[in-house]
Amino acid sequence: MSFFRKSKTFWTLLSFLTFLLFVLAIGFKIYWINIFVIAFGILINKFGIDKVNKNYKFERKD
């Protein structure tokens, strides 16, 4: 499982799946699903952003 957490592909796919879940929740008007979208977004921001965007920490310093 640690391989997946270090993989850029894993975090990119999770980002796209989160966006797809958001679009489906809005499209079908099932708004409570957005709780999971928020949780996935926080998870991606906390653990995956440095794998997806290597320059993220450098950009935040400026």
C-alpha atoms as a PDB file:
ATOM      1  CA  MET A   1       0.000   0.000   0.000  1.00  0.00           C
ATOM      2  CA  SER A   2       2.890   2.400   0.610  1.00  0.00           C
ATOM      3  CA  PHE A   3       3.789   2.148  -3.090  1.00  0.00           C
ATOM      4  CA  PHE A   4       0.402   3.598  -4.000  1.00  0.00           C
ATOM      5  CA  ARG A   5       0.753   6.481  -1.577  1.00  0.00           C
ATOM      6  CA  LYS A   6       4.087   7.440  -3.170  1.00  0.00           C
ATOM      7  CA  SER A   7       2.845   7.086  -6.734  1.00  0.00           C
ATOM      8  CA  LYS A   8       1.993  10.156  -8.808  1.00  0.00           C
ATOM      9  CA  THR A   9      -0.444   8.057 -10.829  1.00  0.00           C
ATOM     10  CA  PHE A  10      -2.395   7.059  -7.726  1.00  0.00           C
ATOM     11  CA  TRP A  11      -2.872  10.639  -6.536  1.00  0.00           C
ATOM     12  CA  THR A  12      -3.736  11.877 -10.022  1.00  0.00           C
ATOM     13  CA  LEU A  13      -6.379   9.181 -10.475  1.00  0.00           C
ATOM     14  CA  LEU A  14      -7.762   9.905  -7.012  1.00  0.00           C
ATOM     15  CA  SER A  15      -8.030  13.583  -7.960  1.00  0.00           C
ATOM     16  CA  PHE A  16      -9.948  12.785 -11.143  1.00  0.00           C
ATOM     17  CA  LEU A  17     -12.226  10.353  -9.312  1.00  0.00           C
ATOM     18  CA  THR A  18     -12.932  13.006  -6.692  1.00  0.00           C
ATOM     19  CA  PHE A  19     -13.843  15.505  -9.397  1.00  0.00           C
ATOM     20  CA  LEU A  20     -16.062  12.929 -11.104  1.00  0.00           C
ATOM     21  CA  LEU A  21     -17.799  12.197  -7.810  1.00  0.00           C
ATOM     22  CA  PHE A  22     -18.398  15.930  -7.357  1.00  0.00           C
ATOM     23  CA  VAL A  23     -19.898  16.312 -10.840  1.00  0.00           C
ATOM     24  CA  LEU A  24     -22.154  13.284 -10.358  1.00  0.00           C
ATOM     25  CA  ALA A  25     -23.296  14.512  -6.952  1.00  0.00           C
ATOM     26  CA  ILE A  26     -24.241  17.895  -8.381  1.00  0.00           C
ATOM     27  CA  GLY A  27     -25.770  16.409 -11.527  1.00  0.00           C
ATOM     28  CA  PHE A  28     -27.994  13.953  -9.652  1.00  0.00           C
ATOM     29  CA  LYS A  29     -28.645  16.417  -6.811  1.00  0.00           C
ATOM     30  CA  ILE A  30     -27.295  14.072  -4.141  1.00  0.00           C
ATOM     31  CA  TYR A  31     -25.555  16.776  -2.160  1.00  0.00           C
ATOM     32  CA  TRP A  32     -24.593  14.675   0.865  1.00  0.00           C
ATOM     33  CA  ILE A  33     -22.014  12.871  -1.307  1.00  0.00           C
ATOM     34  CA  ASN A  34     -20.026  16.103  -1.318  1.00  0.00           C
ATOM     35  CA  ILE A  35     -18.974  15.254   2.248  1.00  0.00           C
ATOM     36  CA  PHE A  36     -16.811  12.532   0.693  1.00  0.00           C
ATOM     37  CA  VAL A  37     -15.563  14.952  -1.951  1.00  0.00           C
ATOM     38  CA  ILE A  38     -14.409  17.322   0.788  1.00  0.00           C
ATOM     39  CA  ALA A  39     -12.734  14.471   2.687  1.00  0.00           C
ATOM     40  CA  PHE A  40     -10.926  13.260  -0.440  1.00  0.00           C
ATOM     41  CA  GLY A  41      -9.873  16.826  -1.235  1.00  0.00           C
ATOM     42  CA  ILE A  42      -8.356  17.263   2.205  1.00  0.00           C
ATOM     43  CA  LEU A  43      -6.636  13.887   1.903  1.00  0.00           C
ATOM     44  CA  ILE A  44      -5.176  14.787  -1.485  1.00  0.00           C
ATOM     45  CA  ASN A  45      -4.077  18.211  -0.270  1.00  0.00           C
ATOM     46  CA  LYS A  46      -2.446  16.840   2.865  1.00  0.00           C
ATOM     47  CA  PHE A  47      -0.672  13.741   1.517  1.00  0.00           C
ATOM     48  CA  GLY A  48      -0.638  13.829  -2.272  1.00  0.00           C
ATOM     49  CA  ILE A  49      -0.011  17.358  -3.474  1.00  0.00           C
ATOM     50  CA  ASP A  50       3.776  17.091  -3.254  1.00  0.00           C
ATOM     51  CA  LYS A  51       3.703  13.920  -5.377  1.00  0.00           C
ATOM     52  CA  VAL A  52       1.471  15.421  -8.070  1.00  0.00           C
ATOM     53  CA  ASN A  53       3.125  18.841  -8.210  1.00  0.00           C
ATOM     54  CA  LYS A  54       6.848  18.738  -7.390  1.00  0.00           C
ATOM     55  CA  ASN A  55       7.107  22.547  -7.323  1.00  0.00           C
ATOM     56  CA  TYR A  56       4.204  23.025  -4.903  1.00  0.00           C
ATOM     57  CA  LYS A  57       6.259  23.877  -1.811  1.00  0.00           C
ATOM     58  CA  PHE A  58       8.533  26.152  -3.816  1.00  0.00           C
ATOM     59  CA  GLU A  59       5.524  27.995  -5.233  1.00  0.00           C
ATOM     60  CA  ARG A  60       4.002  28.476  -1.795  1.00  0.00           C
ATOM     61  CA  LYS A  61       7.154  30.199  -0.468  1.00  0.00           C
ATOM     62  CA  ASP A  62       6.913  33.024  -2.990  1.00  0.00           C
END
